[in-house]
């Protein structure tokens, strides 16, 4: 559930027009214009061998969110600031993906998407204009090295490992919300 449907310009450089918008019409889709190609083949119970048989070799690998993990989706600049801060505090961050569309995707415990508005409200972030979304049940995430069109490939900033499991969202959310808020305020003061 996205708290803000607005899309900011990607941090690494200008994107191709419409490259970050998906035909599924979900704001901040984590697999823009890819999930329709293999989405029905990927389910939580699909094994790797079955995927290899059923999917074309050039088909993108998409991970279904909402079962083993949800994903907090933030702009790259505040996401990187929050990542550095969280690691300095010794917080177990979990896997993190960098999207070529200028977004960072933080893996968190499943069912976060349905609880996100309440979690933010309880932390004092009832501001609906934060550029922070969560992908949960029913969404797909493009996995590296899948390319998002001309923008480039998805890439891991923190790879998933046995020790690097998706944490509870509350451990990351305050720092991510603060970084998003500060970036929005800074951009507003520069514009005004």
N, C-alpha and C. Protein backbone atom coordinates (compact mmCIF):
# COMPACT_ATOMS: atom_id res chain seq x y z
N UNK A 1 0.85 -1.16 0.00
CA UNK A 1 0.00 0.00 0.00
C UNK A 1 0.89 1.22 0.00
N UNK A 2 0.79 2.06 -1.00
CA UNK A 2 1.61 3.25 -1.09
C UNK A 2 0.98 4.40 -0.33
N UNK A 3 1.75 5.14 0.41
CA UNK A 3 1.25 6.31 1.10
C UNK A 3 1.29 7.52 0.20
N UNK A 4 2.02 7.45 -0.88
CA UNK A 4 2.16 8.58 -1.77
C UNK A 4 2.32 8.06 -3.19
N UNK A 5 1.40 8.43 -4.06
CA UNK A 5 1.43 7.91 -5.42
C UNK A 5 2.37 8.71 -6.32
N UNK A 6 2.91 9.81 -5.82
CA UNK A 6 3.81 10.62 -6.64
C UNK A 6 5.12 9.88 -6.87
N UNK A 7 5.67 10.06 -8.04
CA UNK A 7 6.94 9.43 -8.39
C UNK A 7 7.97 10.53 -8.54
N UNK A 8 9.08 10.43 -7.81
CA UNK A 8 10.16 11.42 -7.93
C UNK A 8 11.10 11.00 -9.05
N UNK A 9 11.85 11.97 -9.55
CA UNK A 9 12.84 11.70 -10.59
C UNK A 9 13.93 10.81 -10.01
N UNK A 10 14.37 9.77 -10.69
CA UNK A 10 15.42 8.89 -10.19
C UNK A 10 16.70 9.67 -9.89
N UNK A 11 17.39 9.28 -8.83
CA UNK A 11 18.61 9.97 -8.40
C UNK A 11 19.78 9.80 -9.38
N UNK A 12 20.00 8.59 -9.98
CA UNK A 12 21.19 8.41 -10.79
C UNK A 12 21.21 9.22 -12.08
N UNK A 13 20.09 9.67 -12.56
CA UNK A 13 20.06 10.42 -13.81
C UNK A 13 18.66 10.37 -14.38
N UNK A 14 18.43 11.02 -15.48
CA UNK A 14 17.09 11.05 -16.03
C UNK A 14 16.66 9.68 -16.55
N UNK A 15 15.42 9.36 -16.32
CA UNK A 15 14.87 8.09 -16.78
C UNK A 15 14.17 8.29 -18.11
N UNK A 16 14.02 7.21 -18.82
CA UNK A 16 13.24 7.27 -20.05
C UNK A 16 11.79 7.55 -19.67
N UNK A 17 11.07 8.39 -20.42
CA UNK A 17 9.70 8.73 -20.06
C UNK A 17 8.84 7.47 -19.93
N UNK A 18 8.17 7.35 -18.82
CA UNK A 18 7.27 6.23 -18.58
C UNK A 18 7.94 4.93 -18.21
N UNK A 19 9.27 4.89 -18.13
CA UNK A 19 9.97 3.63 -17.85
C UNK A 19 9.70 3.12 -16.45
N UNK A 20 9.35 4.03 -15.52
CA UNK A 20 9.11 3.61 -14.15
C UNK A 20 7.64 3.39 -13.86
N UNK A 21 6.80 3.55 -14.86
CA UNK A 21 5.37 3.33 -14.67
C UNK A 21 5.00 1.96 -15.22
N UNK A 22 4.12 1.29 -14.51
CA UNK A 22 3.74 -0.05 -14.92
C UNK A 22 2.32 -0.06 -15.45
N UNK A 23 2.07 -0.93 -16.39
CA UNK A 23 0.72 -1.03 -16.94
C UNK A 23 -0.27 -1.60 -15.94
N UNK A 24 0.22 -2.15 -14.80
CA UNK A 24 -0.69 -2.67 -13.78
C UNK A 24 -1.34 -1.53 -12.99
N UNK A 25 -0.85 -0.30 -13.15
CA UNK A 25 -1.37 0.91 -12.51
C UNK A 25 -1.14 0.95 -11.00
N UNK A 26 -0.30 0.08 -10.46
CA UNK A 26 0.04 0.14 -9.04
C UNK A 26 1.12 1.19 -8.86
N UNK A 27 0.88 2.21 -8.01
CA UNK A 27 1.92 3.21 -7.79
C UNK A 27 3.18 2.56 -7.23
N UNK A 28 4.32 2.97 -7.74
CA UNK A 28 5.63 2.45 -7.30
C UNK A 28 5.74 0.94 -7.45
N UNK A 29 5.24 0.40 -8.54
CA UNK A 29 5.35 -1.04 -8.81
C UNK A 29 6.82 -1.44 -8.75
N UNK A 30 7.13 -2.53 -8.06
CA UNK A 30 8.52 -2.97 -7.89
C UNK A 30 9.01 -3.83 -9.05
N UNK A 31 8.16 -4.10 -10.01
CA UNK A 31 8.55 -4.85 -11.21
C UNK A 31 7.85 -4.24 -12.41
N UNK A 32 8.14 -2.96 -12.71
CA UNK A 32 7.40 -2.27 -13.77
C UNK A 32 7.48 -2.96 -15.13
N UNK A 33 6.29 -3.27 -15.63
CA UNK A 33 6.11 -3.89 -16.94
C UNK A 33 6.82 -5.22 -17.12
N UNK A 34 7.07 -5.92 -16.01
CA UNK A 34 7.70 -7.24 -16.08
C UNK A 34 6.79 -8.34 -15.56
N UNK A 35 6.04 -8.09 -14.51
CA UNK A 35 5.31 -9.17 -13.84
C UNK A 35 4.25 -9.83 -14.71
N UNK A 36 3.74 -9.14 -15.68
CA UNK A 36 2.75 -9.75 -16.56
C UNK A 36 3.33 -10.87 -17.41
N UNK A 37 4.67 -10.89 -17.59
CA UNK A 37 5.30 -11.90 -18.44
C UNK A 37 5.42 -13.25 -17.75
N UNK A 38 5.71 -13.25 -16.44
CA UNK A 38 5.90 -14.52 -15.76
C UNK A 38 5.16 -14.61 -14.43
N UNK A 39 4.43 -13.59 -14.07
CA UNK A 39 3.75 -13.57 -12.78
C UNK A 39 2.96 -14.83 -12.46
N UNK A 40 2.14 -15.36 -13.37
CA UNK A 40 1.36 -16.55 -13.04
C UNK A 40 2.22 -17.77 -12.77
N UNK A 41 3.45 -17.81 -13.30
CA UNK A 41 4.31 -18.97 -13.08
C UNK A 41 4.98 -18.95 -11.72
N UNK A 42 5.13 -17.76 -11.16
CA UNK A 42 5.82 -17.64 -9.89
C UNK A 42 4.82 -17.59 -8.75
N UNK A 43 4.85 -18.60 -7.94
CA UNK A 43 4.03 -18.61 -6.74
C UNK A 43 4.96 -19.03 -5.61
N UNK A 44 4.55 -18.80 -4.36
CA UNK A 44 5.44 -19.13 -3.25
C UNK A 44 5.87 -20.59 -3.22
N UNK A 45 5.07 -21.49 -3.78
CA UNK A 45 5.42 -22.92 -3.73
C UNK A 45 6.18 -23.42 -4.95
N UNK A 46 6.43 -22.54 -5.91
CA UNK A 46 7.12 -22.97 -7.13
C UNK A 46 8.59 -23.21 -6.84
N UNK A 47 9.07 -24.39 -7.15
CA UNK A 47 10.48 -24.72 -6.91
C UNK A 47 11.36 -24.24 -8.05
N UNK A 48 12.66 -24.17 -7.79
CA UNK A 48 13.63 -23.67 -8.76
C UNK A 48 13.64 -24.53 -10.02
N UNK A 49 13.58 -25.86 -9.85
CA UNK A 49 13.62 -26.75 -11.01
C UNK A 49 12.37 -26.54 -11.87
N UNK A 50 11.23 -26.40 -11.24
CA UNK A 50 9.99 -26.17 -11.97
C UNK A 50 10.04 -24.83 -12.71
N UNK A 51 10.59 -23.81 -12.06
CA UNK A 51 10.73 -22.51 -12.71
C UNK A 51 11.60 -22.61 -13.94
N UNK A 52 12.72 -23.32 -13.83
CA UNK A 52 13.64 -23.46 -14.95
C UNK A 52 12.96 -24.13 -16.13
N UNK A 53 12.09 -25.10 -15.86
CA UNK A 53 11.37 -25.80 -16.93
C UNK A 53 10.31 -24.93 -17.57
N UNK A 54 9.57 -24.19 -16.75
CA UNK A 54 8.39 -23.47 -17.23
C UNK A 54 8.67 -22.07 -17.74
N UNK A 55 9.77 -21.45 -17.33
CA UNK A 55 10.05 -20.07 -17.72
C UNK A 55 11.04 -20.03 -18.87
N UNK A 56 10.83 -19.15 -19.82
CA UNK A 56 11.81 -18.97 -20.89
C UNK A 56 13.13 -18.49 -20.29
N UNK A 57 14.23 -18.80 -20.96
CA UNK A 57 15.56 -18.44 -20.45
C UNK A 57 15.72 -16.94 -20.29
N UNK A 58 15.07 -16.14 -21.14
CA UNK A 58 15.23 -14.70 -21.06
C UNK A 58 14.15 -14.04 -20.19
N UNK A 59 13.31 -14.83 -19.54
CA UNK A 59 12.25 -14.27 -18.70
C UNK A 59 12.86 -13.69 -17.43
N UNK A 60 12.34 -12.55 -16.99
CA UNK A 60 12.87 -11.96 -15.76
C UNK A 60 12.50 -12.80 -14.54
N UNK A 61 13.38 -12.82 -13.56
CA UNK A 61 13.10 -13.51 -12.32
C UNK A 61 12.40 -12.53 -11.39
N UNK A 62 11.20 -12.90 -10.97
CA UNK A 62 10.41 -12.05 -10.10
C UNK A 62 10.12 -12.78 -8.80
N UNK A 63 10.25 -12.08 -7.72
CA UNK A 63 10.00 -12.65 -6.39
C UNK A 63 8.65 -12.18 -5.88
N UNK A 64 7.78 -13.10 -5.45
CA UNK A 64 6.49 -12.66 -4.91
C UNK A 64 6.68 -12.12 -3.49
N UNK A 65 6.17 -10.93 -3.24
CA UNK A 65 6.25 -10.35 -1.90
C UNK A 65 5.01 -10.76 -1.10
N UNK A 66 5.11 -10.63 0.21
CA UNK A 66 3.97 -10.91 1.06
C UNK A 66 3.97 -12.29 1.69
N UNK A 67 4.86 -13.17 1.26
CA UNK A 67 4.89 -14.52 1.83
C UNK A 67 6.09 -14.69 2.75
N UNK A 68 7.29 -14.56 2.21
CA UNK A 68 8.50 -14.67 3.01
C UNK A 68 9.01 -13.30 3.46
N UNK A 69 8.60 -12.27 2.76
CA UNK A 69 9.04 -10.91 3.06
C UNK A 69 8.11 -9.90 2.40
N UNK A 70 8.10 -8.68 2.93
CA UNK A 70 7.53 -7.51 2.29
C UNK A 70 8.71 -6.59 1.98
N UNK A 71 8.47 -5.51 1.26
CA UNK A 71 9.56 -4.62 0.88
C UNK A 71 9.15 -3.17 1.12
N UNK A 72 9.95 -2.45 1.92
CA UNK A 72 9.78 -1.01 2.09
C UNK A 72 10.51 -0.33 0.94
N UNK A 73 9.83 0.57 0.25
CA UNK A 73 10.30 1.19 -0.97
C UNK A 73 10.44 2.69 -0.73
N UNK A 74 11.68 3.21 -0.82
CA UNK A 74 11.96 4.62 -0.57
C UNK A 74 12.86 5.18 -1.67
N UNK A 75 12.89 6.52 -1.82
CA UNK A 75 13.82 7.11 -2.79
C UNK A 75 15.26 6.78 -2.42
N UNK A 76 16.14 6.73 -3.40
CA UNK A 76 17.53 6.31 -3.19
C UNK A 76 18.29 7.19 -2.20
N UNK A 77 18.19 8.51 -2.33
CA UNK A 77 18.99 9.38 -1.47
C UNK A 77 18.65 9.21 0.01
N UNK A 78 17.39 9.36 0.43
CA UNK A 78 17.11 9.13 1.85
C UNK A 78 17.31 7.67 2.25
N UNK A 79 17.12 6.75 1.33
CA UNK A 79 17.35 5.34 1.63
C UNK A 79 18.80 5.05 1.97
N UNK A 80 19.72 5.64 1.20
CA UNK A 80 21.14 5.47 1.48
C UNK A 80 21.54 6.12 2.80
N UNK A 81 20.98 7.31 3.07
CA UNK A 81 21.27 7.98 4.34
C UNK A 81 20.79 7.12 5.51
N UNK A 82 19.59 6.57 5.38
CA UNK A 82 19.03 5.72 6.44
C UNK A 82 19.84 4.44 6.60
N UNK A 83 20.27 3.84 5.49
CA UNK A 83 21.06 2.61 5.54
C UNK A 83 22.36 2.83 6.31
N UNK A 84 23.04 3.92 6.03
CA UNK A 84 24.29 4.23 6.74
C UNK A 84 24.01 4.42 8.23
N UNK A 85 22.97 5.16 8.54
CA UNK A 85 22.63 5.42 9.94
C UNK A 85 22.26 4.13 10.68
N UNK A 86 21.45 3.29 10.05
CA UNK A 86 21.04 2.03 10.67
C UNK A 86 22.25 1.13 10.94
N UNK A 87 23.16 1.06 9.98
CA UNK A 87 24.34 0.22 10.17
C UNK A 87 25.26 0.78 11.26
N UNK A 88 25.37 2.11 11.34
CA UNK A 88 26.16 2.71 12.41
C UNK A 88 25.56 2.43 13.78
N UNK A 89 24.24 2.33 13.85
CA UNK A 89 23.57 2.03 15.12
C UNK A 89 23.63 0.55 15.45
N UNK A 90 24.13 -0.27 14.52
CA UNK A 90 24.22 -1.71 14.75
C UNK A 90 22.93 -2.45 14.50
N UNK A 91 22.01 -1.84 13.77
CA UNK A 91 20.73 -2.47 13.45
C UNK A 91 20.92 -3.50 12.35
N UNK A 92 20.36 -4.70 12.54
CA UNK A 92 20.38 -5.73 11.50
C UNK A 92 19.41 -5.28 10.41
N UNK A 93 19.93 -4.89 9.27
CA UNK A 93 19.12 -4.27 8.22
C UNK A 93 18.38 -5.30 7.37
N UNK A 94 19.00 -6.40 7.02
CA UNK A 94 18.39 -7.35 6.11
C UNK A 94 18.76 -7.03 4.68
N UNK A 95 18.24 -7.79 3.71
CA UNK A 95 18.57 -7.55 2.30
C UNK A 95 18.06 -6.19 1.82
N UNK A 96 18.83 -5.57 0.92
CA UNK A 96 18.45 -4.28 0.34
C UNK A 96 18.79 -4.31 -1.14
N UNK A 97 17.83 -3.91 -1.96
CA UNK A 97 18.00 -3.81 -3.41
C UNK A 97 18.04 -2.36 -3.84
N UNK A 98 18.83 -2.07 -4.87
CA UNK A 98 18.83 -0.76 -5.50
C UNK A 98 18.17 -0.90 -6.86
N UNK A 99 17.14 -0.11 -7.08
CA UNK A 99 16.44 -0.12 -8.36
C UNK A 99 17.04 0.97 -9.24
N UNK A 100 17.19 0.71 -10.53
CA UNK A 100 17.70 1.75 -11.43
C UNK A 100 16.72 2.91 -11.60
N UNK A 101 15.53 2.77 -11.07
CA UNK A 101 14.53 3.84 -11.13
C UNK A 101 14.72 4.83 -9.98
N UNK A 102 15.85 4.69 -9.23
CA UNK A 102 16.13 5.65 -8.17
C UNK A 102 15.44 5.33 -6.86
N UNK A 103 15.22 4.05 -6.58
CA UNK A 103 14.55 3.63 -5.35
C UNK A 103 15.41 2.57 -4.65
N UNK A 104 15.31 2.52 -3.32
CA UNK A 104 15.91 1.44 -2.55
C UNK A 104 14.78 0.61 -1.97
N UNK A 105 14.98 -0.70 -1.94
CA UNK A 105 13.97 -1.65 -1.49
C UNK A 105 14.54 -2.44 -0.31
N UNK A 106 13.99 -2.19 0.88
CA UNK A 106 14.43 -2.84 2.11
C UNK A 106 13.50 -4.01 2.41
N UNK A 107 14.05 -5.22 2.47
CA UNK A 107 13.26 -6.41 2.79
C UNK A 107 12.92 -6.37 4.28
N UNK A 108 11.65 -6.60 4.60
CA UNK A 108 11.19 -6.63 5.99
C UNK A 108 10.26 -7.83 6.17
N UNK A 109 9.87 -8.07 7.39
CA UNK A 109 9.00 -9.20 7.70
C UNK A 109 7.68 -9.12 6.93
N UNK A 110 7.11 -10.28 6.58
CA UNK A 110 5.82 -10.28 5.87
C UNK A 110 4.72 -9.64 6.72
N UNK A 111 3.68 -9.18 6.03
CA UNK A 111 2.50 -8.53 6.60
C UNK A 111 2.76 -7.08 7.01
N UNK A 112 3.91 -6.55 6.66
CA UNK A 112 4.20 -5.15 6.95
C UNK A 112 3.29 -4.23 6.14
N UNK A 113 3.04 -4.57 4.88
CA UNK A 113 2.25 -3.70 4.00
C UNK A 113 0.87 -3.40 4.59
N UNK A 114 0.23 -4.41 5.14
CA UNK A 114 -1.11 -4.17 5.68
C UNK A 114 -1.08 -3.39 7.00
N UNK A 115 0.07 -3.41 7.68
CA UNK A 115 0.19 -2.71 8.97
C UNK A 115 0.89 -1.36 8.85
N UNK A 116 1.39 -1.02 7.65
CA UNK A 116 2.21 0.17 7.49
C UNK A 116 1.55 1.46 7.98
N UNK A 117 0.32 1.78 7.59
CA UNK A 117 -0.27 3.04 8.07
C UNK A 117 -0.33 3.10 9.60
N UNK A 118 -0.68 2.00 10.24
CA UNK A 118 -0.76 1.98 11.70
C UNK A 118 0.63 2.10 12.33
N UNK A 119 1.62 1.41 11.76
CA UNK A 119 2.99 1.51 12.27
C UNK A 119 3.51 2.94 12.19
N UNK A 120 3.29 3.59 11.04
CA UNK A 120 3.73 4.97 10.88
C UNK A 120 3.01 5.89 11.86
N UNK A 121 1.72 5.70 12.02
CA UNK A 121 0.94 6.53 12.93
C UNK A 121 1.44 6.39 14.36
N UNK A 122 1.69 5.16 14.79
CA UNK A 122 2.17 4.92 16.15
C UNK A 122 3.55 5.54 16.40
N UNK A 123 4.33 5.69 15.34
CA UNK A 123 5.66 6.30 15.46
C UNK A 123 5.62 7.81 15.31
N UNK A 124 4.42 8.35 15.08
CA UNK A 124 4.27 9.79 14.92
C UNK A 124 4.41 10.27 13.50
N UNK A 125 4.42 9.35 12.55
CA UNK A 125 4.54 9.71 11.14
C UNK A 125 3.21 9.52 10.44
N UNK A 126 2.23 10.30 10.83
CA UNK A 126 0.91 10.19 10.20
C UNK A 126 0.82 11.07 8.96
N UNK A 127 1.94 11.60 8.52
CA UNK A 127 2.02 12.46 7.35
C UNK A 127 1.94 11.59 6.09
N UNK A 128 0.86 11.68 5.37
CA UNK A 128 0.65 10.84 4.20
C UNK A 128 1.51 11.25 3.01
N UNK A 129 2.26 12.35 3.12
CA UNK A 129 3.05 12.78 1.97
C UNK A 129 4.48 12.23 1.99
N UNK A 130 4.79 11.32 2.92
CA UNK A 130 6.11 10.68 2.89
C UNK A 130 6.22 9.84 1.62
N UNK A 131 7.35 9.91 0.96
CA UNK A 131 7.56 9.10 -0.25
C UNK A 131 8.09 7.75 0.20
N UNK A 132 7.20 6.96 0.78
CA UNK A 132 7.54 5.66 1.35
C UNK A 132 6.37 4.73 1.07
N UNK A 133 6.65 3.59 0.48
CA UNK A 133 5.60 2.62 0.16
C UNK A 133 6.03 1.25 0.64
N UNK A 134 5.10 0.32 0.64
CA UNK A 134 5.42 -1.05 1.02
C UNK A 134 4.74 -2.01 0.05
N UNK A 135 5.52 -2.96 -0.45
CA UNK A 135 4.98 -3.98 -1.35
C UNK A 135 4.75 -5.25 -0.54
N UNK A 136 3.52 -5.74 -0.57
CA UNK A 136 3.17 -6.92 0.20
C UNK A 136 2.48 -7.95 -0.66
N UNK A 137 1.55 -8.66 -0.07
CA UNK A 137 0.84 -9.74 -0.74
C UNK A 137 0.25 -9.27 -2.06
N UNK A 138 0.54 -10.02 -3.12
CA UNK A 138 0.02 -9.71 -4.45
C UNK A 138 0.98 -8.91 -5.32
N UNK A 139 2.11 -8.50 -4.78
CA UNK A 139 3.10 -7.76 -5.57
C UNK A 139 4.27 -8.66 -5.94
N UNK A 140 5.04 -8.21 -6.90
CA UNK A 140 6.24 -8.92 -7.33
C UNK A 140 7.40 -7.95 -7.33
N UNK A 141 8.58 -8.47 -7.15
CA UNK A 141 9.79 -7.68 -7.09
C UNK A 141 10.78 -8.24 -8.11
N UNK A 142 11.28 -7.37 -8.98
CA UNK A 142 12.29 -7.80 -9.96
C UNK A 142 13.58 -8.10 -9.22
N UNK A 143 14.14 -9.28 -9.46
CA UNK A 143 15.37 -9.70 -8.77
C UNK A 143 16.58 -9.47 -9.67
N UNK A 144 17.72 -9.12 -9.08
CA UNK A 144 18.94 -8.93 -9.86
C UNK A 144 19.31 -10.22 -10.59
N UNK A 145 19.81 -10.09 -11.78
CA UNK A 145 20.23 -8.90 -12.51
C UNK A 145 19.21 -8.39 -13.52
N UNK A 146 17.92 -8.58 -13.24
CA UNK A 146 16.87 -8.14 -14.16
C UNK A 146 17.03 -6.65 -14.44
N UNK A 147 16.95 -6.28 -15.71
CA UNK A 147 17.02 -4.88 -16.11
C UNK A 147 15.62 -4.30 -16.24
N UNK A 148 15.46 -3.08 -15.80
CA UNK A 148 14.19 -2.37 -15.97
C UNK A 148 14.29 -1.49 -17.21
N UNK A 149 14.18 -2.14 -18.33
CA UNK A 149 14.25 -1.43 -19.60
C UNK A 149 15.59 -0.72 -19.77
N UNK A 150 15.55 0.50 -20.29
CA UNK A 150 16.76 1.28 -20.56
C UNK A 150 17.38 1.84 -19.28
N UNK A 151 16.68 1.75 -18.16
CA UNK A 151 17.21 2.29 -16.91
C UNK A 151 18.40 1.51 -16.39
N UNK A 152 18.43 0.22 -16.63
CA UNK A 152 19.53 -0.61 -16.16
C UNK A 152 19.05 -1.72 -15.24
N UNK A 153 20.00 -2.48 -14.67
CA UNK A 153 19.64 -3.65 -13.87
C UNK A 153 19.38 -3.33 -12.40
N UNK A 154 18.59 -4.19 -11.79
CA UNK A 154 18.44 -4.19 -10.34
C UNK A 154 19.76 -4.69 -9.77
N UNK A 155 20.14 -4.23 -8.56
CA UNK A 155 21.37 -4.75 -7.95
C UNK A 155 21.23 -4.80 -6.44
N UNK A 156 21.95 -5.75 -5.85
CA UNK A 156 21.93 -5.91 -4.40
C UNK A 156 22.87 -4.89 -3.75
N UNK A 157 22.40 -4.21 -2.72
CA UNK A 157 23.28 -3.44 -1.85
C UNK A 157 23.66 -4.30 -0.64
N UNK A 158 22.70 -5.10 -0.16
CA UNK A 158 22.92 -6.08 0.91
C UNK A 158 22.26 -7.36 0.45
N UNK A 159 23.06 -8.37 0.14
CA UNK A 159 22.53 -9.65 -0.36
C UNK A 159 21.83 -10.42 0.75
N UNK A 160 20.83 -11.22 0.37
CA UNK A 160 20.22 -12.10 1.37
C UNK A 160 21.17 -13.23 1.74
N UNK A 161 21.30 -13.49 3.01
CA UNK A 161 22.11 -14.61 3.52
C UNK A 161 21.33 -15.25 4.65
N UNK A 162 21.83 -16.36 5.16
CA UNK A 162 21.17 -17.03 6.28
C UNK A 162 21.13 -16.13 7.52
N UNK A 163 22.15 -15.28 7.70
CA UNK A 163 22.21 -14.40 8.86
C UNK A 163 21.51 -13.06 8.59
N UNK A 164 21.16 -12.81 7.37
CA UNK A 164 20.65 -11.51 6.94
C UNK A 164 19.16 -11.61 6.61
N UNK A 165 18.38 -12.04 7.56
CA UNK A 165 16.94 -12.23 7.33
C UNK A 165 16.19 -10.90 7.40
N UNK A 166 15.03 -10.80 6.72
CA UNK A 166 14.25 -9.57 6.80
C UNK A 166 13.81 -9.28 8.24
N UNK A 167 14.16 -8.10 8.76
CA UNK A 167 13.81 -7.77 10.14
C UNK A 167 12.36 -7.28 10.26
N UNK A 168 11.92 -7.11 11.48
CA UNK A 168 10.63 -6.46 11.72
C UNK A 168 10.73 -5.02 11.22
N UNK A 169 9.69 -4.55 10.55
CA UNK A 169 9.72 -3.22 9.94
C UNK A 169 9.94 -2.12 10.96
N UNK A 170 9.44 -2.29 12.18
CA UNK A 170 9.55 -1.23 13.19
C UNK A 170 11.01 -0.88 13.49
N UNK A 171 11.93 -1.83 13.24
CA UNK A 171 13.35 -1.57 13.50
C UNK A 171 13.96 -0.61 12.48
N UNK A 172 13.39 -0.54 11.29
CA UNK A 172 13.90 0.31 10.22
C UNK A 172 13.04 1.54 9.95
N UNK A 173 11.77 1.41 10.22
CA UNK A 173 10.78 2.38 9.75
C UNK A 173 10.99 3.79 10.26
N UNK A 174 11.32 3.97 11.54
CA UNK A 174 11.52 5.31 12.08
C UNK A 174 12.65 6.04 11.37
N UNK A 175 13.76 5.35 11.15
CA UNK A 175 14.91 5.95 10.49
C UNK A 175 14.61 6.24 9.02
N UNK A 176 13.92 5.32 8.34
CA UNK A 176 13.56 5.54 6.94
C UNK A 176 12.58 6.71 6.80
N UNK A 177 11.56 6.76 7.66
CA UNK A 177 10.58 7.84 7.60
C UNK A 177 11.25 9.19 7.86
N UNK A 178 12.14 9.24 8.84
CA UNK A 178 12.85 10.48 9.16
C UNK A 178 13.69 10.94 7.96
N UNK A 179 14.42 10.03 7.34
CA UNK A 179 15.25 10.39 6.18
C UNK A 179 14.38 10.88 5.02
N UNK A 180 13.24 10.23 4.77
CA UNK A 180 12.33 10.67 3.71
C UNK A 180 11.77 12.06 4.02
N UNK A 181 11.40 12.28 5.27
CA UNK A 181 10.84 13.56 5.70
C UNK A 181 11.87 14.68 5.53
N UNK A 182 13.11 14.43 5.99
CA UNK A 182 14.17 15.45 5.89
C UNK A 182 14.47 15.78 4.43
N UNK A 183 14.50 14.78 3.56
CA UNK A 183 14.76 15.01 2.15
C UNK A 183 13.65 15.84 1.53
N UNK A 184 12.40 15.53 1.88
CA UNK A 184 11.27 16.29 1.35
C UNK A 184 11.33 17.74 1.81
N UNK A 185 11.64 17.96 3.09
CA UNK A 185 11.75 19.33 3.62
C UNK A 185 12.89 20.10 2.94
N UNK A 186 14.03 19.42 2.73
CA UNK A 186 15.18 20.05 2.09
C UNK A 186 14.82 20.44 0.65
N UNK A 187 14.14 19.56 -0.07
CA UNK A 187 13.75 19.86 -1.45
C UNK A 187 12.75 21.01 -1.49
N UNK A 188 11.83 21.05 -0.51
CA UNK A 188 10.84 22.13 -0.46
C UNK A 188 11.50 23.47 -0.17
N UNK A 189 12.50 23.49 0.72
CA UNK A 189 13.18 24.74 1.03
C UNK A 189 14.03 25.23 -0.14
N UNK A 190 14.60 24.32 -0.92
CA UNK A 190 15.38 24.70 -2.09
C UNK A 190 14.47 25.24 -3.20
N UNK A 191 13.27 24.67 -3.32
CA UNK A 191 12.32 25.10 -4.33
C UNK A 191 11.68 26.45 -3.98
N UNK A 192 11.58 26.73 -2.68
CA UNK A 192 10.87 27.94 -2.24
C UNK A 192 11.74 29.05 -2.03
